[in-house]
Amino acid sequence: MSSNFLPLTEALYAWLQANSLREPDVFLIMMSAIATAAVGVRTLRALKTKSMVDDSPVNWKVEPPATRHIAGSVLFGLGWSVAATCPGPVAAQLGRGQFAGLFTVAGLLIGILVCDRLRIRSTAREAPMRDAATAVGL
């Protein structure tokens, strides 16, 4: 990167490298994706846009982190580390003939089904949400 072109980005990159992130590229890509998504969804909500899937308004409610969020995050991280891949590129893995991606797909589908079963058992829900399994056709 040129120090004349993007000094802030270069400084951030250097700081990340200095703080034990030898290759902070993935971190920087994720940060830019999160920032883009945050701006995008807030813009969609402000414009009162409707979802393409079920024509419902783009909206959400903010709630403090609960035990289920922590447990889900840990479970997701464990699955990611066991699979040694982000769930996103599974289609590319399968297309390249890396059939170990089938285990990642199986883990994703099992996770969706387990989440739905636990949600059904929970009586603490205010309003029922659409089953994730139904949304993906299971």
N, C-alpha and C. Protein backbone atom coordinates (compact mmCIF):
# COMPACT_ATOMS: atom_id res chain seq x y z
N MET A 1 0.83 -1.18 0.00
CA MET A 1 0.00 0.00 0.00
C MET A 1 0.87 1.24 0.00
N SER A 2 0.41 2.24 -0.68
CA SER A 2 1.16 3.48 -0.74
C SER A 2 0.79 4.36 0.44
N SER A 3 1.80 4.90 1.13
CA SER A 3 1.52 5.75 2.29
C SER A 3 0.89 7.06 1.86
N ASN A 4 1.06 7.48 0.58
CA ASN A 4 0.42 8.70 0.09
C ASN A 4 -1.05 8.48 -0.23
N PHE A 5 -1.42 7.25 -0.54
CA PHE A 5 -2.78 6.97 -0.98
C PHE A 5 -3.73 6.72 0.18
N LEU A 6 -3.38 5.82 1.09
CA LEU A 6 -4.27 5.47 2.20
C LEU A 6 -3.48 5.41 3.52
N PRO A 7 -3.11 6.54 4.08
CA PRO A 7 -2.29 6.50 5.29
C PRO A 7 -3.00 5.86 6.48
N LEU A 8 -4.29 6.06 6.62
CA LEU A 8 -5.01 5.47 7.74
C LEU A 8 -5.05 3.96 7.62
N THR A 9 -5.32 3.45 6.43
CA THR A 9 -5.36 2.02 6.21
C THR A 9 -4.00 1.40 6.45
N GLU A 10 -2.96 2.06 5.99
CA GLU A 10 -1.61 1.55 6.19
C GLU A 10 -1.25 1.54 7.67
N ALA A 11 -1.65 2.57 8.40
CA ALA A 11 -1.38 2.63 9.83
C ALA A 11 -2.12 1.51 10.56
N LEU A 12 -3.37 1.27 10.18
CA LEU A 12 -4.14 0.19 10.79
C LEU A 12 -3.51 -1.15 10.49
N TYR A 13 -3.10 -1.34 9.25
CA TYR A 13 -2.44 -2.59 8.84
C TYR A 13 -1.17 -2.81 9.65
N ALA A 14 -0.36 -1.77 9.82
CA ALA A 14 0.88 -1.87 10.60
C ALA A 14 0.57 -2.18 12.06
N TRP A 15 -0.47 -1.55 12.61
CA TRP A 15 -0.83 -1.80 14.01
C TRP A 15 -1.27 -3.24 14.20
N LEU A 16 -2.07 -3.76 13.26
CA LEU A 16 -2.52 -5.14 13.36
C LEU A 16 -1.34 -6.11 13.27
N GLN A 17 -0.39 -5.83 12.39
CA GLN A 17 0.79 -6.68 12.27
C GLN A 17 1.61 -6.64 13.55
N ALA A 18 1.73 -5.48 14.15
CA ALA A 18 2.53 -5.32 15.36
C ALA A 18 1.89 -6.02 16.55
N ASN A 19 0.59 -6.24 16.50
CA ASN A 19 -0.12 -6.86 17.61
C ASN A 19 -0.45 -8.32 17.32
N SER A 20 0.55 -9.04 16.87
CA SER A 20 0.51 -10.50 16.70
C SER A 20 -0.37 -10.99 15.55
N LEU A 21 -0.83 -10.13 14.70
CA LEU A 21 -1.57 -10.58 13.52
C LEU A 21 -0.62 -10.46 12.34
N ARG A 22 0.07 -11.54 12.06
CA ARG A 22 1.06 -11.50 10.99
C ARG A 22 0.45 -11.24 9.63
N GLU A 23 -0.73 -11.76 9.41
CA GLU A 23 -1.43 -11.54 8.15
C GLU A 23 -2.84 -11.03 8.44
N PRO A 24 -2.97 -9.73 8.66
CA PRO A 24 -4.27 -9.18 9.06
C PRO A 24 -5.25 -8.99 7.90
N ASP A 25 -4.94 -9.52 6.74
CA ASP A 25 -5.81 -9.31 5.58
C ASP A 25 -7.23 -9.78 5.83
N VAL A 26 -7.39 -10.97 6.39
CA VAL A 26 -8.73 -11.51 6.64
C VAL A 26 -9.47 -10.63 7.63
N PHE A 27 -8.76 -10.17 8.66
CA PHE A 27 -9.37 -9.29 9.65
C PHE A 27 -9.86 -8.00 8.99
N LEU A 28 -9.05 -7.42 8.13
CA LEU A 28 -9.42 -6.19 7.45
C LEU A 28 -10.60 -6.41 6.49
N ILE A 29 -10.61 -7.55 5.82
CA ILE A 29 -11.73 -7.86 4.93
C ILE A 29 -13.01 -8.00 5.74
N MET A 30 -12.93 -8.70 6.88
CA MET A 30 -14.11 -8.88 7.72
C MET A 30 -14.59 -7.54 8.27
N MET A 31 -13.66 -6.68 8.70
CA MET A 31 -14.05 -5.36 9.22
C MET A 31 -14.77 -4.56 8.14
N SER A 32 -14.26 -4.58 6.91
CA SER A 32 -14.91 -3.82 5.85
C SER A 32 -16.27 -4.43 5.50
N ALA A 33 -16.40 -5.76 5.56
CA ALA A 33 -17.68 -6.40 5.28
C ALA A 33 -18.71 -6.04 6.35
N ILE A 34 -18.29 -6.03 7.61
CA ILE A 34 -19.20 -5.68 8.71
C ILE A 34 -19.65 -4.23 8.58
N ALA A 35 -18.71 -3.34 8.28
CA ALA A 35 -19.05 -1.92 8.12
C ALA A 35 -20.02 -1.73 6.96
N THR A 36 -19.77 -2.39 5.85
CA THR A 36 -20.64 -2.28 4.68
C THR A 36 -22.03 -2.81 5.00
N ALA A 37 -22.11 -3.96 5.67
CA ALA A 37 -23.40 -4.56 6.02
C ALA A 37 -24.16 -3.66 7.00
N ALA A 38 -23.44 -3.09 7.97
CA ALA A 38 -24.10 -2.24 8.96
C ALA A 38 -24.74 -1.03 8.30
N VAL A 39 -24.02 -0.40 7.40
CA VAL A 39 -24.57 0.75 6.68
C VAL A 39 -25.71 0.29 5.78
N GLY A 40 -25.52 -0.83 5.09
CA GLY A 40 -26.53 -1.31 4.15
C GLY A 40 -27.85 -1.66 4.80
N VAL A 41 -27.84 -2.42 5.88
CA VAL A 41 -29.11 -2.82 6.50
C VAL A 41 -29.81 -1.63 7.15
N ARG A 42 -29.04 -0.70 7.69
CA ARG A 42 -29.67 0.49 8.27
C ARG A 42 -30.30 1.36 7.17
N THR A 43 -29.66 1.41 6.01
CA THR A 43 -30.22 2.14 4.88
C THR A 43 -31.51 1.46 4.41
N LEU A 44 -31.49 0.14 4.30
CA LEU A 44 -32.69 -0.59 3.90
C LEU A 44 -33.83 -0.36 4.87
N ARG A 45 -33.51 -0.37 6.18
CA ARG A 45 -34.56 -0.14 7.17
C ARG A 45 -35.10 1.28 7.08
N ALA A 46 -34.21 2.26 6.91
CA ALA A 46 -34.63 3.66 6.82
C ALA A 46 -35.51 3.91 5.60
N LEU A 47 -35.24 3.19 4.51
CA LEU A 47 -36.04 3.34 3.29
C LEU A 47 -37.30 2.48 3.31
N LYS A 48 -37.52 1.76 4.43
CA LYS A 48 -38.69 0.90 4.60
C LYS A 48 -38.79 -0.15 3.48
N THR A 49 -37.64 -0.72 3.14
CA THR A 49 -37.55 -1.73 2.10
C THR A 49 -38.15 -3.04 2.60
N LYS A 50 -38.72 -3.80 1.68
CA LYS A 50 -39.29 -5.11 2.03
C LYS A 50 -38.34 -6.22 1.59
N SER A 51 -38.37 -7.33 2.32
CA SER A 51 -37.54 -8.49 2.01
C SER A 51 -37.97 -9.11 0.70
N MET A 52 -36.99 -9.59 -0.07
CA MET A 52 -37.30 -10.27 -1.33
C MET A 52 -37.86 -11.66 -1.09
N VAL A 53 -37.58 -12.25 0.08
CA VAL A 53 -37.98 -13.61 0.35
C VAL A 53 -39.46 -13.71 0.70
N ASP A 54 -39.90 -12.93 1.68
CA ASP A 54 -41.29 -13.05 2.12
C ASP A 54 -42.03 -11.72 2.20
N ASP A 55 -41.48 -10.69 1.59
CA ASP A 55 -42.12 -9.38 1.49
C ASP A 55 -42.38 -8.74 2.86
N SER A 56 -41.62 -9.15 3.87
CA SER A 56 -41.76 -8.52 5.18
C SER A 56 -40.80 -7.33 5.25
N PRO A 57 -41.11 -6.33 6.08
CA PRO A 57 -40.23 -5.16 6.16
C PRO A 57 -38.88 -5.54 6.78
N VAL A 58 -37.82 -4.87 6.31
CA VAL A 58 -36.50 -5.07 6.89
C VAL A 58 -36.50 -4.35 8.23
N ASN A 59 -36.48 -5.12 9.30
CA ASN A 59 -36.59 -4.56 10.64
C ASN A 59 -36.03 -5.55 11.65
N TRP A 60 -35.67 -5.07 12.82
CA TRP A 60 -35.17 -5.92 13.88
C TRP A 60 -35.32 -5.18 15.19
N LYS A 61 -35.22 -5.94 16.26
CA LYS A 61 -35.22 -5.33 17.59
C LYS A 61 -33.87 -5.62 18.23
N VAL A 62 -33.39 -4.67 18.98
CA VAL A 62 -32.10 -4.82 19.66
C VAL A 62 -32.35 -5.43 21.03
N GLU A 63 -31.59 -6.46 21.36
CA GLU A 63 -31.71 -7.07 22.67
C GLU A 63 -30.31 -7.35 23.20
N PRO A 64 -30.15 -7.33 24.51
CA PRO A 64 -28.82 -7.59 25.07
C PRO A 64 -28.42 -9.05 24.84
N PRO A 65 -27.12 -9.31 24.78
CA PRO A 65 -26.67 -10.70 24.59
C PRO A 65 -27.20 -11.60 25.71
N ALA A 66 -27.66 -12.77 25.32
CA ALA A 66 -28.18 -13.75 26.27
C ALA A 66 -27.30 -15.01 26.21
N THR A 67 -27.56 -15.93 27.09
CA THR A 67 -26.80 -17.18 27.13
C THR A 67 -26.85 -17.90 25.79
N ARG A 68 -28.01 -17.86 25.15
CA ARG A 68 -28.14 -18.55 23.86
C ARG A 68 -27.23 -17.95 22.80
N HIS A 69 -26.99 -16.63 22.87
CA HIS A 69 -26.08 -16.00 21.91
C HIS A 69 -24.64 -16.47 22.15
N ILE A 70 -24.25 -16.53 23.42
CA ILE A 70 -22.89 -16.96 23.76
C ILE A 70 -22.70 -18.43 23.37
N ALA A 71 -23.68 -19.26 23.74
CA ALA A 71 -23.59 -20.69 23.41
C ALA A 71 -23.55 -20.90 21.90
N GLY A 72 -24.38 -20.18 21.17
CA GLY A 72 -24.39 -20.30 19.71
C GLY A 72 -23.08 -19.85 19.08
N SER A 73 -22.51 -18.78 19.61
CA SER A 73 -21.23 -18.29 19.10
C SER A 73 -20.12 -19.30 19.33
N VAL A 74 -20.10 -19.87 20.53
CA VAL A 74 -19.08 -20.88 20.84
C VAL A 74 -19.24 -22.10 19.94
N LEU A 75 -20.48 -22.55 19.80
CA LEU A 75 -20.75 -23.71 18.94
C LEU A 75 -20.36 -23.43 17.49
N PHE A 76 -20.69 -22.25 17.00
CA PHE A 76 -20.32 -21.87 15.64
C PHE A 76 -18.80 -21.85 15.48
N GLY A 77 -18.10 -21.26 16.44
CA GLY A 77 -16.64 -21.21 16.39
C GLY A 77 -16.01 -22.59 16.43
N LEU A 78 -16.57 -23.47 17.26
CA LEU A 78 -16.05 -24.84 17.32
C LEU A 78 -16.26 -25.56 15.98
N GLY A 79 -17.43 -25.39 15.41
CA GLY A 79 -17.70 -26.02 14.12
C GLY A 79 -16.78 -25.48 13.04
N TRP A 80 -16.54 -24.19 13.07
CA TRP A 80 -15.66 -23.56 12.10
C TRP A 80 -14.24 -24.10 12.23
N SER A 81 -13.78 -24.25 13.48
CA SER A 81 -12.41 -24.73 13.69
C SER A 81 -12.28 -26.21 13.35
N VAL A 82 -13.31 -27.00 13.62
CA VAL A 82 -13.26 -28.42 13.29
C VAL A 82 -13.27 -28.60 11.76
N ALA A 83 -14.10 -27.81 11.08
CA ALA A 83 -14.19 -27.90 9.63
C ALA A 83 -12.97 -27.28 8.95
N ALA A 84 -12.24 -26.43 9.67
CA ALA A 84 -11.08 -25.71 9.15
C ALA A 84 -11.44 -24.86 7.95
N THR A 85 -12.67 -24.38 7.93
CA THR A 85 -13.11 -23.49 6.85
C THR A 85 -14.31 -22.68 7.31
N CYS A 86 -14.47 -21.56 6.71
CA CYS A 86 -15.67 -20.76 6.91
C CYS A 86 -16.81 -21.48 6.19
N PRO A 87 -18.02 -21.43 6.72
CA PRO A 87 -19.12 -22.12 6.05
C PRO A 87 -19.41 -21.57 4.65
N GLY A 88 -19.01 -20.36 4.36
CA GLY A 88 -19.30 -19.75 3.07
C GLY A 88 -18.76 -20.47 1.84
N PRO A 89 -17.50 -20.89 1.83
CA PRO A 89 -16.94 -21.47 0.59
C PRO A 89 -17.20 -22.96 0.39
N VAL A 90 -18.20 -23.52 1.07
CA VAL A 90 -18.47 -24.95 0.92
C VAL A 90 -18.78 -25.31 -0.53
N ALA A 91 -19.54 -24.47 -1.21
CA ALA A 91 -19.87 -24.76 -2.62
C ALA A 91 -18.60 -24.80 -3.47
N ALA A 92 -17.67 -23.89 -3.19
CA ALA A 92 -16.41 -23.90 -3.94
C ALA A 92 -15.61 -25.17 -3.63
N GLN A 93 -15.62 -25.58 -2.36
CA GLN A 93 -14.92 -26.82 -2.00
C GLN A 93 -15.50 -28.00 -2.77
N LEU A 94 -16.81 -28.10 -2.78
CA LEU A 94 -17.45 -29.22 -3.47
C LEU A 94 -17.20 -29.14 -4.97
N GLY A 95 -17.22 -27.93 -5.52
CA GLY A 95 -16.95 -27.77 -6.94
C GLY A 95 -15.54 -28.16 -7.33
N ARG A 96 -14.60 -28.01 -6.39
CA ARG A 96 -13.21 -28.38 -6.65
C ARG A 96 -12.96 -29.85 -6.36
N GLY A 97 -13.98 -30.55 -5.93
CA GLY A 97 -13.81 -31.98 -5.64
C GLY A 97 -13.34 -32.26 -4.23
N GLN A 98 -13.38 -31.27 -3.35
CA GLN A 98 -13.02 -31.47 -1.95
C GLN A 98 -14.28 -31.90 -1.20
N PHE A 99 -14.53 -33.20 -1.23
CA PHE A 99 -15.79 -33.70 -0.69
C PHE A 99 -15.85 -33.68 0.83
N ALA A 100 -14.78 -33.28 1.48
CA ALA A 100 -14.84 -33.06 2.93
C ALA A 100 -15.81 -31.91 3.24
N GLY A 101 -16.11 -31.09 2.23
CA GLY A 101 -17.10 -30.03 2.39
C GLY A 101 -18.48 -30.57 2.70
N LEU A 102 -18.73 -31.82 2.33
CA LEU A 102 -20.02 -32.44 2.65
C LEU A 102 -20.24 -32.52 4.16
N PHE A 103 -19.15 -32.72 4.91
CA PHE A 103 -19.25 -32.76 6.37
C PHE A 103 -19.63 -31.38 6.90
N THR A 104 -19.10 -30.34 6.27
CA THR A 104 -19.46 -28.98 6.68
C THR A 104 -20.93 -28.73 6.41
N VAL A 105 -21.42 -29.15 5.25
CA VAL A 105 -22.84 -29.00 4.91
C VAL A 105 -23.69 -29.78 5.91
N ALA A 106 -23.29 -31.00 6.21
CA ALA A 106 -24.03 -31.82 7.18
C ALA A 106 -24.06 -31.13 8.54
N GLY A 107 -22.92 -30.58 8.96
CA GLY A 107 -22.87 -29.87 10.24
C GLY A 107 -23.78 -28.65 10.25
N LEU A 108 -23.82 -27.92 9.15
CA LEU A 108 -24.71 -26.76 9.05
C LEU A 108 -26.18 -27.17 9.17
N LEU A 109 -26.55 -28.21 8.44
CA LEU A 109 -27.95 -28.65 8.46
C LEU A 109 -28.34 -29.22 9.82
N ILE A 110 -27.44 -29.97 10.43
CA ILE A 110 -27.72 -30.50 11.77
C ILE A 110 -27.86 -29.35 12.77
N GLY A 111 -26.99 -28.37 12.65
CA GLY A 111 -27.07 -27.20 13.53
C GLY A 111 -28.39 -26.47 13.39
N ILE A 112 -28.86 -26.32 12.15
CA ILE A 112 -30.16 -25.66 11.92
C ILE A 112 -31.28 -26.46 12.57
N LEU A 113 -31.26 -27.78 12.38
CA LEU A 113 -32.32 -28.62 12.96
C LEU A 113 -32.29 -28.60 14.49
N VAL A 114 -31.10 -28.69 15.08
CA VAL A 114 -30.98 -28.65 16.54
C VAL A 114 -31.47 -27.32 17.08
N CYS A 115 -31.09 -26.23 16.41
CA CYS A 115 -31.54 -24.90 16.84
C CYS A 115 -33.06 -24.81 16.83
N ASP A 116 -33.67 -25.30 15.77
CA ASP A 116 -35.12 -25.27 15.69
C ASP A 116 -35.77 -26.10 16.79
N ARG A 117 -35.23 -27.27 17.06
CA ARG A 117 -35.81 -28.13 18.11
C ARG A 117 -35.68 -27.48 19.48
N LEU A 118 -34.55 -26.85 19.74
CA LEU A 118 -34.37 -26.16 21.02
C LEU A 118 -35.30 -24.95 21.12
N ARG A 119 -35.49 -24.26 20.02
CA ARG A 119 -36.38 -23.10 20.02
C ARG A 119 -37.82 -23.52 20.27
N ILE A 120 -38.22 -24.65 19.69
CA ILE A 120 -39.58 -25.14 19.89
C ILE A 120 -39.79 -25.50 21.36
N ARG A 121 -38.78 -26.10 21.99
CA ARG A 121 -38.89 -26.48 23.41
C ARG A 121 -38.96 -25.27 24.33
N SER A 122 -38.31 -24.20 23.92
CA SER A 122 -38.26 -23.02 24.77
C SER A 122 -39.62 -22.35 24.82
N THR A 123 -40.09 -22.07 26.02
CA THR A 123 -41.37 -21.39 26.16
C THR A 123 -41.18 -19.92 26.46
N ALA A 124 -39.94 -19.46 26.51
CA ALA A 124 -39.66 -18.07 26.85
C ALA A 124 -39.79 -17.13 25.66
N ARG A 125 -40.10 -17.63 24.51
CA ARG A 125 -40.22 -16.81 23.30
C ARG A 125 -41.47 -15.95 23.37
N GLU A 126 -41.33 -14.67 22.99
CA GLU A 126 -42.49 -13.78 22.94
C GLU A 126 -43.35 -14.09 21.72
N ALA A 127 -42.72 -14.14 20.56
CA ALA A 127 -43.46 -14.41 19.32
C ALA A 127 -42.72 -15.50 18.57
N PRO A 128 -43.42 -16.48 18.05
CA PRO A 128 -42.74 -17.56 17.33
C PRO A 128 -42.07 -17.03 16.06
N MET A 129 -40.87 -17.49 15.82
CA MET A 129 -40.14 -17.13 14.61
C MET A 129 -40.33 -18.25 13.59
N ARG A 130 -40.15 -17.92 12.36
CA ARG A 130 -40.23 -18.92 11.30
C ARG A 130 -39.08 -19.90 11.48
N ASP A 131 -39.37 -21.19 11.37
CA ASP A 131 -38.33 -22.20 11.52
C ASP A 131 -37.25 -22.02 10.47
N ALA A 132 -35.99 -22.06 10.89
CA ALA A 132 -34.88 -21.98 9.95
C ALA A 132 -34.88 -23.19 9.02
N ALA A 133 -35.25 -24.35 9.56
CA ALA A 133 -35.28 -25.56 8.74
C ALA A 133 -36.30 -25.41 7.61
N THR A 134 -37.44 -24.82 7.89
CA THR A 134 -38.45 -24.60 6.88
C THR A 134 -37.94 -23.62 5.83
N ALA A 135 -37.20 -22.59 6.29
CA ALA A 135 -36.69 -21.58 5.38
C ALA A 135 -35.72 -22.15 4.37
N VAL A 136 -34.97 -23.19 4.76
CA VAL A 136 -34.00 -23.79 3.83
C VAL A 136 -34.54 -25.06 3.19
N GLY A 137 -35.81 -25.38 3.44
CA GLY A 137 -36.45 -26.49 2.75
C GLY A 137 -36.23 -27.85 3.38
N LEU A 138 -35.97 -27.92 4.69
CA LEU A 138 -35.80 -29.21 5.34
C LEU A 138 -37.11 -29.68 5.94
